[in-house]
Amino acid sequence: MADEITYADFERVDIRVGTIVEASPFPEARKPAFKLLIDFGPEIGLKKSSAQITVHYTPESLVGRQVLGVVNFPPRQIGPVRSEVLTLGFEDEAGAIVLAATDRPVPNGQKLM
């Protein structure tokens, strides 16, 4: 278990919901990954992400899916892609990533409370 944090620490992490509008293979990545373009609503807009989610998903199955992402990390250069958001997920029993998502649609850009 991680160290205990305060509620103020949690509030600093800006986790929002967005809809994947584009997904494509990312062959230049060191580990298998997809390039994602995620719509986080009018306040945040479209953001790019690299996600190592190739075991359980295809690009076609990702488009239109809502996901959770941390939108206030600094951008990170991953090969030729500047990843602007950390797409969230969990490891399954084999170590493959399963996306974190809402169980019902919500407006893009909503903040995790």
PDB file of N, CA and C in Angstrom:
ATOM      1  N   MET A   1       0.844  -1.178   0.000  1.00  0.00           N
ATOM      2  CA  MET A   1       0.000   0.000   0.000  1.00  0.00           C
ATOM      3  C   MET A   1       0.890   1.241   0.000  1.00  0.00           C
ATOM      4  N   ALA A   2       0.431   2.269  -0.684  1.00  0.00           N
ATOM      5  CA  ALA A   2       1.178   3.523  -0.778  1.00  0.00           C
ATOM      6  C   ALA A   2       1.055   4.310   0.527  1.00  0.00           C
ATOM      7  N   ASP A   3       1.932   5.297   0.688  1.00  0.00           N
ATOM      8  CA  ASP A   3       1.870   6.171   1.855  1.00  0.00           C
ATOM      9  C   ASP A   3       0.554   6.932   1.888  1.00  0.00           C
ATOM     10  N   GLU A   4       0.083   7.214   3.069  1.00  0.00           N
ATOM     11  CA  GLU A   4      -1.140   7.986   3.250  1.00  0.00           C
ATOM     12  C   GLU A   4      -0.934   9.414   2.746  1.00  0.00           C
ATOM     13  N   ILE A   5      -1.980   9.970   2.109  1.00  0.00           N
ATOM     14  CA  ILE A   5      -1.920  11.349   1.626  1.00  0.00           C
ATOM     15  C   ILE A   5      -3.096  12.122   2.219  1.00  0.00           C
ATOM     16  N   THR A   6      -3.049  13.432   2.069  1.00  0.00           N
ATOM     17  CA  THR A   6      -4.162  14.261   2.533  1.00  0.00           C
ATOM     18  C   THR A   6      -5.150  14.454   1.383  1.00  0.00           C
ATOM     19  N   TYR A   7      -6.345  14.927   1.709  1.00  0.00           N
ATOM     20  CA  TYR A   7      -7.327  15.230   0.679  1.00  0.00           C
ATOM     21  C   TYR A   7      -6.796  16.322  -0.243  1.00  0.00           C
ATOM     22  N   ALA A   8      -6.041  17.260   0.292  1.00  0.00           N
ATOM     23  CA  ALA A   8      -5.447  18.324  -0.528  1.00  0.00           C
ATOM     24  C   ALA A   8      -4.496  17.732  -1.566  1.00  0.00           C
ATOM     25  N   ASP A   9      -3.753  16.674  -1.190  1.00  0.00           N
ATOM     26  CA  ASP A   9      -2.871  16.001  -2.158  1.00  0.00           C
ATOM     27  C   ASP A   9      -3.697  15.421  -3.297  1.00  0.00           C
ATOM     28  N   PHE A  10      -4.796  14.754  -2.958  1.00  0.00           N
ATOM     29  CA  PHE A  10      -5.669  14.147  -3.959  1.00  0.00           C
ATOM     30  C   PHE A  10      -6.247  15.210  -4.899  1.00  0.00           C
ATOM     31  N   GLU A  11      -6.649  16.345  -4.351  1.00  0.00           N
ATOM     32  CA  GLU A  11      -7.244  17.414  -5.165  1.00  0.00           C
ATOM     33  C   GLU A  11      -6.284  17.953  -6.217  1.00  0.00           C
ATOM     34  N   ARG A  12      -4.991  17.806  -6.004  1.00  0.00           N
ATOM     35  CA  ARG A  12      -4.006  18.310  -6.967  1.00  0.00           C
ATOM     36  C   ARG A  12      -3.945  17.457  -8.229  1.00  0.00           C
ATOM     37  N   VAL A  13      -4.389  16.197  -8.157  1.00  0.00           N
ATOM     38  CA  VAL A  13      -4.390  15.319  -9.324  1.00  0.00           C
ATOM     39  C   VAL A  13      -5.697  15.537 -10.067  1.00  0.00           C
ATOM     40  N   ASP A  14      -5.610  16.049 -11.287  1.00  0.00           N
ATOM     41  CA  ASP A  14      -6.791  16.387 -12.076  1.00  0.00           C
ATOM     42  C   ASP A  14      -7.139  15.215 -13.000  1.00  0.00           C
ATOM     43  N   ILE A  15      -8.073  14.375 -12.551  1.00  0.00           N
ATOM     44  CA  ILE A  15      -8.507  13.211 -13.318  1.00  0.00           C
ATOM     45  C   ILE A  15      -9.844  13.559 -13.972  1.00  0.00           C
ATOM     46  N   ARG A  16      -9.879  13.451 -15.303  1.00  0.00           N
ATOM     47  CA  ARG A  16     -11.074  13.814 -16.076  1.00  0.00           C
ATOM     48  C   ARG A  16     -11.491  12.647 -16.961  1.00  0.00           C
ATOM     49  N   VAL A  17     -12.742  12.691 -17.396  1.00  0.00           N
ATOM     50  CA  VAL A  17     -13.254  11.715 -18.346  1.00  0.00           C
ATOM     51  C   VAL A  17     -13.208  12.333 -19.739  1.00  0.00           C
ATOM     52  N   GLY A  18     -12.871  11.495 -20.706  1.00  0.00           N
ATOM     53  CA  GLY A  18     -12.843  11.937 -22.097  1.00  0.00           C
ATOM     54  C   GLY A  18     -13.210  10.790 -23.018  1.00  0.00           C
ATOM     55  N   THR A  19     -13.539  11.138 -24.246  1.00  0.00           N
ATOM     56  CA  THR A  19     -13.917  10.139 -25.248  1.00  0.00           C
ATOM     57  C   THR A  19     -12.798  10.016 -26.283  1.00  0.00           C
ATOM     58  N   ILE A  20     -12.384   8.791 -26.544  1.00  0.00           N
ATOM     59  CA  ILE A  20     -11.361   8.543 -27.566  1.00  0.00           C
ATOM     60  C   ILE A  20     -11.987   8.804 -28.934  1.00  0.00           C
ATOM     61  N   VAL A  21     -11.375   9.734 -29.693  1.00  0.00           N
ATOM     62  CA  VAL A  21     -11.896  10.061 -31.025  1.00  0.00           C
ATOM     63  C   VAL A  21     -11.015   9.483 -32.131  1.00  0.00           C
ATOM     64  N   GLU A  22      -9.774   9.159 -31.814  1.00  0.00           N
ATOM     65  CA  GLU A  22      -8.867   8.506 -32.767  1.00  0.00           C
ATOM     66  C   GLU A  22      -7.971   7.553 -32.005  1.00  0.00           C
ATOM     67  N   ALA A  23      -7.685   6.399 -32.610  1.00  0.00           N
ATOM     68  CA  ALA A  23      -6.752   5.427 -32.042  1.00  0.00           C
ATOM     69  C   ALA A  23      -6.014   4.769 -33.200  1.00  0.00           C
ATOM     70  N   SER A  24      -4.693   4.678 -33.073  1.00  0.00           N
ATOM     71  CA  SER A  24      -3.906   4.077 -34.139  1.00  0.00           C
ATOM     72  C   SER A  24      -2.696   3.362 -33.552  1.00  0.00           C
ATOM     73  N   PRO A  25      -2.147   2.393 -34.289  1.00  0.00           N
ATOM     74  CA  PRO A  25      -0.950   1.704 -33.818  1.00  0.00           C
ATOM     75  C   PRO A  25       0.203   2.686 -33.626  1.00  0.00           C
ATOM     76  N   PHE A  26       1.113   2.348 -32.740  1.00  0.00           N
ATOM     77  CA  PHE A  26       2.277   3.178 -32.433  1.00  0.00           C
ATOM     78  C   PHE A  26       3.526   2.296 -32.539  1.00  0.00           C
ATOM     79  N   PRO A  27       3.918   1.944 -33.781  1.00  0.00           N
ATOM     80  CA  PRO A  27       5.033   1.004 -33.965  1.00  0.00           C
ATOM     81  C   PRO A  27       6.382   1.531 -33.469  1.00  0.00           C
ATOM     82  N   GLU A  28       6.520   2.839 -33.320  1.00  0.00           N
ATOM     83  CA  GLU A  28       7.802   3.409 -32.862  1.00  0.00           C
ATOM     84  C   GLU A  28       8.007   3.256 -31.351  1.00  0.00           C
ATOM     85  N   ALA A  29       6.970   2.911 -30.610  1.00  0.00           N
ATOM     86  CA  ALA A  29       7.077   2.763 -29.156  1.00  0.00           C
ATOM     87  C   ALA A  29       7.932   1.549 -28.806  1.00  0.00           C
ATOM     88  N   ARG A  30       8.666   1.642 -27.685  1.00  0.00           N
ATOM     89  CA  ARG A  30       9.499   0.515 -27.233  1.00  0.00           C
ATOM     90  C   ARG A  30       8.646  -0.688 -26.847  1.00  0.00           C
ATOM     91  N   LYS A  31       7.519  -0.448 -26.181  1.00  0.00           N
ATOM     92  CA  LYS A  31       6.582  -1.512 -25.819  1.00  0.00           C
ATOM     93  C   LYS A  31       5.330  -1.311 -26.653  1.00  0.00           C
ATOM     94  N   PRO A  32       4.619  -2.391 -26.993  1.00  0.00           N
ATOM     95  CA  PRO A  32       3.415  -2.239 -27.825  1.00  0.00           C
ATOM     96  C   PRO A  32       2.439  -1.211 -27.230  1.00  0.00           C
ATOM     97  N   ALA A  33       1.996  -0.284 -28.077  1.00  0.00           N
ATOM     98  CA  ALA A  33       1.131   0.804 -27.611  1.00  0.00           C
ATOM     99  C   ALA A  33       0.287   1.325 -28.761  1.00  0.00           C
ATOM    100  N   PHE A  34      -0.723   2.108 -28.381  1.00  0.00           N
ATOM    101  CA  PHE A  34      -1.540   2.837 -29.347  1.00  0.00           C
ATOM    102  C   PHE A  34      -1.383   4.328 -29.100  1.00  0.00           C
ATOM    103  N   LYS A  35      -1.516   5.106 -30.179  1.00  0.00           N
ATOM    104  CA  LYS A  35      -1.627   6.559 -30.073  1.00  0.00           C
ATOM    105  C   LYS A  35      -3.109   6.878 -29.980  1.00  0.00           C
ATOM    106  N   LEU A  36      -3.464   7.687 -28.999  1.00  0.00           N
ATOM    107  CA  LEU A  36      -4.860   8.054 -28.795  1.00  0.00           C
ATOM    108  C   LEU A  36      -5.033   9.558 -28.897  1.00  0.00           C
ATOM    109  N   LEU A  37      -6.172   9.982 -29.412  1.00  0.00           N
ATOM    110  CA  LEU A  37      -6.591  11.379 -29.368  1.00  0.00           C
ATOM    111  C   LEU A  37      -7.902  11.367 -28.589  1.00  0.00           C
ATOM    112  N   ILE A  38      -7.910  12.082 -27.446  1.00  0.00           N
ATOM    113  CA  ILE A  38      -9.033  12.021 -26.517  1.00  0.00           C
ATOM    114  C   ILE A  38      -9.660  13.396 -26.373  1.00  0.00           C
ATOM    115  N   ASP A  39     -10.985  13.449 -26.485  1.00  0.00           N
ATOM    116  CA  ASP A  39     -11.740  14.695 -26.330  1.00  0.00           C
ATOM    117  C   ASP A  39     -12.144  14.846 -24.866  1.00  0.00           C
ATOM    118  N   PHE A  40     -11.541  15.840 -24.181  1.00  0.00           N
ATOM    119  CA  PHE A  40     -11.844  16.118 -22.786  1.00  0.00           C
ATOM    120  C   PHE A  40     -12.796  17.310 -22.638  1.00  0.00           C
ATOM    121  N   GLY A  41     -13.592  17.587 -23.641  1.00  0.00           N
ATOM    122  CA  GLY A  41     -14.605  18.631 -23.543  1.00  0.00           C
ATOM    123  C   GLY A  41     -14.070  20.010 -23.856  1.00  0.00           C
ATOM    124  N   PRO A  42     -14.957  21.014 -23.831  1.00  0.00           N
ATOM    125  CA  PRO A  42     -14.596  22.361 -24.280  1.00  0.00           C
ATOM    126  C   PRO A  42     -13.538  23.055 -23.424  1.00  0.00           C
ATOM    127  N   GLU A  43     -13.488  22.786 -22.137  1.00  0.00           N
ATOM    128  CA  GLU A  43     -12.516  23.452 -21.267  1.00  0.00           C
ATOM    129  C   GLU A  43     -11.084  22.979 -21.531  1.00  0.00           C
ATOM    130  N   ILE A  44     -10.899  21.686 -21.776  1.00  0.00           N
ATOM    131  CA  ILE A  44      -9.555  21.105 -21.933  1.00  0.00           C
ATOM    132  C   ILE A  44      -9.247  20.821 -23.397  1.00  0.00           C
ATOM    133  N   GLY A  45     -10.226  20.348 -24.143  1.00  0.00           N
ATOM    134  CA  GLY A  45     -10.048  20.088 -25.563  1.00  0.00           C
ATOM    135  C   GLY A  45      -9.492  18.712 -25.872  1.00  0.00           C
ATOM    136  N   LEU A  46      -8.901  18.595 -27.061  1.00  0.00           N
ATOM    137  CA  LEU A  46      -8.328  17.336 -27.532  1.00  0.00           C
ATOM    138  C   LEU A  46      -6.917  17.189 -27.006  1.00  0.00           C
ATOM    139  N   LYS A  47      -6.597  15.999 -26.492  1.00  0.00           N
ATOM    140  CA  LYS A  47      -5.262  15.713 -25.953  1.00  0.00           C
ATOM    141  C   LYS A  47      -4.770  14.387 -26.514  1.00  0.00           C
ATOM    142  N   LYS A  48      -3.443  14.307 -26.750  1.00  0.00           N
ATOM    143  CA  LYS A  48      -2.814  13.086 -27.245  1.00  0.00           C
ATOM    144  C   LYS A  48      -2.298  12.258 -26.076  1.00  0.00           C
ATOM    145  N   SER A  49      -2.328  10.934 -26.275  1.00  0.00           N
ATOM    146  CA  SER A  49      -1.811  10.027 -25.261  1.00  0.00           C
ATOM    147  C   SER A  49      -1.224   8.799 -25.945  1.00  0.00           C
ATOM    148  N   SER A  50      -0.234   8.209 -25.322  1.00  0.00           N
ATOM    149  CA  SER A  50       0.288   6.909 -25.723  1.00  0.00           C
ATOM    150  C   SER A  50      -0.129   5.934 -24.635  1.00  0.00           C
ATOM    151  N   ALA A  51      -0.722   4.814 -25.027  1.00  0.00           N
ATOM    152  CA  ALA A  51      -1.223   3.866 -24.030  1.00  0.00           C
ATOM    153  C   ALA A  51      -0.837   2.438 -24.410  1.00  0.00           C
ATOM    154  N   GLN A  52      -0.278   1.727 -23.453  1.00  0.00           N
ATOM    155  CA  GLN A  52       0.125   0.332 -23.653  1.00  0.00           C
ATOM    156  C   GLN A  52      -1.067  -0.579 -23.352  1.00  0.00           C
ATOM    157  N   ILE A  53      -2.033  -0.558 -24.248  1.00  0.00           N
ATOM    158  CA  ILE A  53      -3.298  -1.275 -24.043  1.00  0.00           C
ATOM    159  C   ILE A  53      -3.603  -2.203 -25.214  1.00  0.00           C
ATOM    160  N   THR A  54      -2.573  -2.747 -25.838  1.00  0.00           N
ATOM    161  CA  THR A  54      -2.751  -3.522 -27.067  1.00  0.00           C
ATOM    162  C   THR A  54      -3.232  -4.951 -26.852  1.00  0.00           C
ATOM    163  N   VAL A  55      -3.186  -5.468 -25.630  1.00  0.00           N
ATOM    164  CA  VAL A  55      -3.598  -6.858 -25.390  1.00  0.00           C
ATOM    165  C   VAL A  55      -5.120  -7.005 -25.449  1.00  0.00           C
ATOM    166  N   HIS A  56      -5.848  -6.123 -24.786  1.00  0.00           N
ATOM    167  CA  HIS A  56      -7.295  -6.258 -24.680  1.00  0.00           C
ATOM    168  C   HIS A  56      -8.081  -5.395 -25.667  1.00  0.00           C
ATOM    169  N   TYR A  57      -7.410  -4.519 -26.402  1.00  0.00           N
ATOM    170  CA  TYR A  57      -8.126  -3.558 -27.245  1.00  0.00           C
ATOM    171  C   TYR A  57      -7.528  -3.503 -28.649  1.00  0.00           C
ATOM    172  N   THR A  58      -8.354  -3.083 -29.604  1.00  0.00           N
ATOM    173  CA  THR A  58      -7.905  -2.758 -30.956  1.00  0.00           C
ATOM    174  C   THR A  58      -8.222  -1.289 -31.172  1.00  0.00           C
ATOM    175  N   PRO A  59      -7.573  -0.640 -32.126  1.00  0.00           N
ATOM    176  CA  PRO A  59      -7.914   0.762 -32.387  1.00  0.00           C
ATOM    177  C   PRO A  59      -9.409   0.948 -32.661  1.00  0.00           C
ATOM    178  N   GLU A  60     -10.009   0.024 -33.410  1.00  0.00           N
ATOM    179  CA  GLU A  60     -11.423   0.137 -33.749  1.00  0.00           C
ATOM    180  C   GLU A  60     -12.323   0.041 -32.512  1.00  0.00           C
ATOM    181  N   SER A  61     -11.932  -0.774 -31.543  1.00  0.00           N
ATOM    182  CA  SER A  61     -12.761  -0.938 -30.348  1.00  0.00           C
ATOM    183  C   SER A  61     -12.618   0.228 -29.377  1.00  0.00           C
ATOM    184  N   LEU A  62     -11.596   1.055 -29.571  1.00  0.00           N
ATOM    185  CA  LEU A  62     -11.343   2.169 -28.653  1.00  0.00           C
ATOM    186  C   LEU A  62     -12.104   3.440 -29.029  1.00  0.00           C
ATOM    187  N   VAL A  63     -12.300   3.673 -30.314  1.00  0.00           N
ATOM    188  CA  VAL A  63     -12.956   4.906 -30.754  1.00  0.00           C
ATOM    189  C   VAL A  63     -14.386   4.947 -30.210  1.00  0.00           C
ATOM    190  N   GLY A  64     -14.709   6.056 -29.543  1.00  0.00           N
ATOM    191  CA  GLY A  64     -16.025   6.230 -28.944  1.00  0.00           C
ATOM    192  C   GLY A  64     -16.090   5.820 -27.486  1.00  0.00           C
ATOM    193  N   ARG A  65     -15.050   5.191 -26.974  1.00  0.00           N
ATOM    194  CA  ARG A  65     -15.021   4.729 -25.582  1.00  0.00           C
ATOM    195  C   ARG A  65     -14.594   5.871 -24.662  1.00  0.00           C
ATOM    196  N   GLN A  66     -15.291   6.012 -23.543  1.00  0.00           N
ATOM    197  CA  GLN A  66     -14.882   6.997 -22.541  1.00  0.00           C
ATOM    198  C   GLN A  66     -13.830   6.381 -21.622  1.00  0.00           C
ATOM    199  N   VAL A  67     -12.816   7.186 -21.301  1.00  0.00           N
ATOM    200  CA  VAL A  67     -11.720   6.754 -20.441  1.00  0.00           C
ATOM    201  C   VAL A  67     -11.417   7.840 -19.419  1.00  0.00           C
ATOM    202  N   LEU A  68     -10.647   7.474 -18.410  1.00  0.00           N
ATOM    203  CA  LEU A  68     -10.189   8.433 -17.409  1.00  0.00           C
ATOM    204  C   LEU A  68      -8.733   8.767 -17.696  1.00  0.00           C
ATOM    205  N   GLY A  69      -8.371  10.037 -17.464  1.00  0.00           N
ATOM    206  CA  GLY A  69      -6.994  10.449 -17.684  1.00  0.00           C
ATOM    207  C   GLY A  69      -6.583  11.559 -16.736  1.00  0.00           C
ATOM    208  N   VAL A  70      -5.298  11.554 -16.380  1.00  0.00           N
ATOM    209  CA  VAL A  70      -4.723  12.650 -15.595  1.00  0.00           C
ATOM    210  C   VAL A  70      -4.316  13.719 -16.593  1.00  0.00           C
ATOM    211  N   VAL A  71      -4.925  14.916 -16.476  1.00  0.00           N
ATOM    212  CA  VAL A  71      -4.703  15.961 -17.474  1.00  0.00           C
ATOM    213  C   VAL A  71      -3.734  17.041 -17.010  1.00  0.00           C
ATOM    214  N   ASN A  72      -3.232  16.960 -15.775  1.00  0.00           N
ATOM    215  CA  ASN A  72      -2.331  18.025 -15.313  1.00  0.00           C
ATOM    216  C   ASN A  72      -0.900  17.556 -15.055  1.00  0.00           C
ATOM    217  N   PHE A  73      -0.498  16.437 -15.663  1.00  0.00           N
ATOM    218  CA  PHE A  73       0.919  16.082 -15.693  1.00  0.00           C
ATOM    219  C   PHE A  73       1.569  16.870 -16.825  1.00  0.00           C
ATOM    220  N   PRO A  74       2.862  17.167 -16.718  1.00  0.00           N
ATOM    221  CA  PRO A  74       3.521  17.805 -17.865  1.00  0.00           C
ATOM    222  C   PRO A  74       3.582  16.832 -19.046  1.00  0.00           C
ATOM    223  N   PRO A  75       3.564  17.343 -20.282  1.00  0.00           N
ATOM    224  CA  PRO A  75       3.670  16.463 -21.456  1.00  0.00           C
ATOM    225  C   PRO A  75       4.959  15.650 -21.400  1.00  0.00           C
ATOM    226  N   ARG A  76       4.890  14.461 -21.998  1.00  0.00           N
ATOM    227  CA  ARG A  76       6.047  13.554 -22.001  1.00  0.00           C
ATOM    228  C   ARG A  76       6.302  13.099 -23.431  1.00  0.00           C
ATOM    229  N   GLN A  77       7.533  13.218 -23.865  1.00  0.00           N
ATOM    230  CA  GLN A  77       7.895  12.797 -25.220  1.00  0.00           C
ATOM    231  C   GLN A  77       8.129  11.292 -25.234  1.00  0.00           C
ATOM    232  N   ILE A  78       7.342  10.577 -26.044  1.00  0.00           N
ATOM    233  CA  ILE A  78       7.483   9.132 -26.189  1.00  0.00           C
ATOM    234  C   ILE A  78       7.733   8.886 -27.670  1.00  0.00           C
ATOM    235  N   GLY A  79       9.004   8.718 -28.021  1.00  0.00           N
ATOM    236  CA  GLY A  79       9.354   8.602 -29.433  1.00  0.00           C
ATOM    237  C   GLY A  79       8.918   9.864 -30.148  1.00  0.00           C
ATOM    238  N   PRO A  80       8.231   9.735 -31.286  1.00  0.00           N
ATOM    239  CA  PRO A  80       7.785  10.920 -32.021  1.00  0.00           C
ATOM    240  C   PRO A  80       6.486  11.534 -31.489  1.00  0.00           C
ATOM    241  N   VAL A  81       5.906  10.960 -30.434  1.00  0.00           N
ATOM    242  CA  VAL A  81       4.622  11.433 -29.908  1.00  0.00           C
ATOM    243  C   VAL A  81       4.823  12.192 -28.604  1.00  0.00           C
ATOM    244  N   ARG A  82       4.182  13.339 -28.509  1.00  0.00           N
ATOM    245  CA  ARG A  82       4.187  14.125 -27.268  1.00  0.00           C
ATOM    246  C   ARG A  82       2.900  13.781 -26.519  1.00  0.00           C
ATOM    247  N   SER A  83       3.022  12.900 -25.527  1.00  0.00           N
ATOM    248  CA  SER A  83       1.862  12.451 -24.757  1.00  0.00           C
ATOM    249  C   SER A  83       1.480  13.540 -23.762  1.00  0.00           C
ATOM    250  N   GLU A  84       0.237  14.013 -23.850  1.00  0.00           N
ATOM    251  CA  GLU A  84      -0.217  15.150 -23.051  1.00  0.00           C
ATOM    252  C   GLU A  84      -1.067  14.753 -21.854  1.00  0.00           C
ATOM    253  N   VAL A  85      -1.456  13.496 -21.779  1.00  0.00           N
ATOM    254  CA  VAL A  85      -2.333  13.030 -20.711  1.00  0.00           C
ATOM    255  C   VAL A  85      -1.979  11.577 -20.392  1.00  0.00           C
ATOM    256  N   LEU A  86      -2.111  11.196 -19.126  1.00  0.00           N
ATOM    257  CA  LEU A  86      -1.886   9.816 -18.708  1.00  0.00           C
ATOM    258  C   LEU A  86      -3.237   9.106 -18.684  1.00  0.00           C
ATOM    259  N   THR A  87      -3.431   8.188 -19.614  1.00  0.00           N
ATOM    260  CA  THR A  87      -4.651   7.394 -19.666  1.00  0.00           C
ATOM    261  C   THR A  87      -4.552   6.326 -18.573  1.00  0.00           C
ATOM    262  N   LEU A  88      -5.601   6.204 -17.756  1.00  0.00           N
ATOM    263  CA  LEU A  88      -5.538   5.350 -16.575  1.00  0.00           C
ATOM    264  C   LEU A  88      -6.083   3.952 -16.819  1.00  0.00           C
ATOM    265  N   GLY A  89      -5.464   2.988 -16.141  1.00  0.00           N
ATOM    266  CA  GLY A  89      -5.906   1.605 -16.228  1.00  0.00           C
ATOM    267  C   GLY A  89      -5.321   0.783 -15.099  1.00  0.00           C
ATOM    268  N   PHE A  90      -5.683  -0.485 -15.086  1.00  0.00           N
ATOM    269  CA  PHE A  90      -5.239  -1.432 -14.072  1.00  0.00           C
ATOM    270  C   PHE A  90      -4.631  -2.645 -14.751  1.00  0.00           C
ATOM    271  N   GLU A  91      -3.653  -3.285 -14.093  1.00  0.00           N
ATOM    272  CA  GLU A  91      -3.095  -4.524 -14.622  1.00  0.00           C
ATOM    273  C   GLU A  91      -4.030  -5.677 -14.296  1.00  0.00           C
ATOM    274  N   ASP A  92      -4.249  -6.557 -15.280  1.00  0.00           N
ATOM    275  CA  ASP A  92      -4.991  -7.776 -14.992  1.00  0.00           C
ATOM    276  C   ASP A  92      -4.021  -8.801 -14.407  1.00  0.00           C
ATOM    277  N   GLU A  93      -4.483 -10.030 -14.211  1.00  0.00           N
ATOM    278  CA  GLU A  93      -3.636 -11.053 -13.579  1.00  0.00           C
ATOM    279  C   GLU A  93      -2.388 -11.386 -14.386  1.00  0.00           C
ATOM    280  N   ALA A  94      -2.389 -11.103 -15.688  1.00  0.00           N
ATOM    281  CA  ALA A  94      -1.231 -11.368 -16.543  1.00  0.00           C
ATOM    282  C   ALA A  94      -0.372 -10.128 -16.774  1.00  0.00           C
ATOM    283  N   GLY A  95      -0.767  -8.986 -16.195  1.00  0.00           N
ATOM    284  CA  GLY A  95       0.006  -7.763 -16.355  1.00  0.00           C
ATOM    285  C   GLY A  95      -0.422  -6.884 -17.512  1.00  0.00           C
ATOM    286  N   ALA A  96      -1.451  -7.282 -18.256  1.00  0.00           N
ATOM    287  CA  ALA A  96      -1.953  -6.454 -19.361  1.00  0.00           C
ATOM    288  C   ALA A  96      -2.888  -5.382 -18.789  1.00  0.00           C
ATOM    289  N   ILE A  97      -2.908  -4.228 -19.430  1.00  0.00           N
ATOM    290  CA  ILE A  97      -3.680  -3.094 -18.920  1.00  0.00           C
ATOM    291  C   ILE A  97      -5.149  -3.162 -19.347  1.00  0.00           C
ATOM    292  N   VAL A  98      -6.031  -2.940 -18.368  1.00  0.00           N
ATOM    293  CA  VAL A  98      -7.468  -2.810 -18.570  1.00  0.00           C
ATOM    294  C   VAL A  98      -7.806  -1.352 -18.255  1.00  0.00           C
ATOM    295  N   LEU A  99      -8.472  -0.669 -19.166  1.00  0.00           N
ATOM    296  CA  LEU A  99      -8.763   0.755 -18.997  1.00  0.00           C
ATOM    297  C   LEU A  99      -9.682   1.035 -17.814  1.00  0.00           C
ATOM    298  N   ALA A 100      -9.408   2.143 -17.124  1.00  0.00           N
ATOM    299  CA  ALA A 100     -10.311   2.664 -16.100  1.00  0.00           C
ATOM    300  C   ALA A 100     -11.350   3.515 -16.818  1.00  0.00           C
ATOM    301  N   ALA A 101     -12.614   3.313 -16.497  1.00  0.00           N
ATOM    302  CA  ALA A 101     -13.684   4.024 -17.203  1.00  0.00           C
ATOM    303  C   ALA A 101     -14.907   4.152 -16.308  1.00  0.00           C
ATOM    304  N   THR A 102     -15.857   4.957 -16.750  1.00  0.00           N
ATOM    305  CA  THR A 102     -17.122   5.089 -16.041  1.00  0.00           C
ATOM    306  C   THR A 102     -18.051   3.944 -16.450  1.00  0.00           C
ATOM    307  N   ASP A 103     -19.028   3.630 -15.622  1.00  0.00           N
ATOM    308  CA  ASP A 103     -19.964   2.575 -16.002  1.00  0.00           C
ATOM    309  C   ASP A 103     -21.185   3.127 -16.737  1.00  0.00           C
ATOM    310  N   ARG A 104     -21.303   4.463 -16.802  1.00  0.00           N
ATOM    311  CA  ARG A 104     -22.350   5.135 -17.574  1.00  0.00           C
ATOM    312  C   ARG A 104     -21.727   6.355 -18.250  1.00  0.00           C
ATOM    313  N   PRO A 105     -22.242   6.768 -19.395  1.00  0.00           N
ATOM    314  CA  PRO A 105     -21.698   7.964 -20.049  1.00  0.00           C
ATOM    315  C   PRO A 105     -21.881   9.204 -19.195  1.00  0.00           C
ATOM    316  N   VAL A 106     -20.859  10.049 -19.181  1.00  0.00           N
ATOM    317  CA  VAL A 106     -20.921  11.351 -18.515  1.00  0.00           C
ATOM    318  C   VAL A 106     -20.326  12.385 -19.474  1.00  0.00           C
ATOM    319  N   PRO A 107     -20.614  13.662 -19.280  1.00  0.00           N
ATOM    320  CA  PRO A 107     -20.065  14.666 -20.198  1.00  0.00           C
ATOM    321  C   PRO A 107     -18.531  14.688 -20.163  1.00  0.00           C
ATOM    322  N   ASN A 108     -17.947  14.778 -21.360  1.00  0.00           N
ATOM    323  CA  ASN A 108     -16.488  14.888 -21.446  1.00  0.00           C
ATOM    324  C   ASN A 108     -15.994  16.067 -20.630  1.00  0.00           C
ATOM    325  N   GLY A 109     -14.886  15.864 -19.932  1.00  0.00           N
ATOM    326  CA  GLY A 109     -14.293  16.917 -19.138  1.00  0.00           C
ATOM    327  C   GLY A 109     -14.666  16.883 -17.676  1.00  0.00           C
ATOM    328  N   GLN A 110     -15.649  16.044 -17.305  1.00  0.00           N
ATOM    329  CA  GLN A 110     -16.036  15.957 -15.903  1.00  0.00           C
ATOM    330  C   GLN A 110     -14.844  15.506 -15.056  1.00  0.00           C
ATOM    331  N   LYS A 111     -14.688  16.138 -13.895  1.00  0.00           N
ATOM    332  CA  LYS A 111     -13.592  15.823 -12.993  1.00  0.00           C
ATOM    333  C   LYS A 111     -13.999  14.717 -12.023  1.00  0.00           C
ATOM    334  N   LEU A 112     -13.073  13.789 -11.758  1.00  0.00           N
ATOM    335  CA  LEU A 112     -13.305  12.753 -10.758  1.00  0.00           C
ATOM    336  C   LEU A 112     -13.427  13.403  -9.407  1.00  0.00           C
ATOM    337  N   MET A 113     -14.484  13.076  -8.701  1.00  0.00           N
ATOM    338  CA  MET A 113     -14.744  13.667  -7.382  1.00  0.00           C
ATOM    339  C   MET A 113     -14.487  12.653  -6.298  1.00  0.00           C
TER     340      MET A 113
END
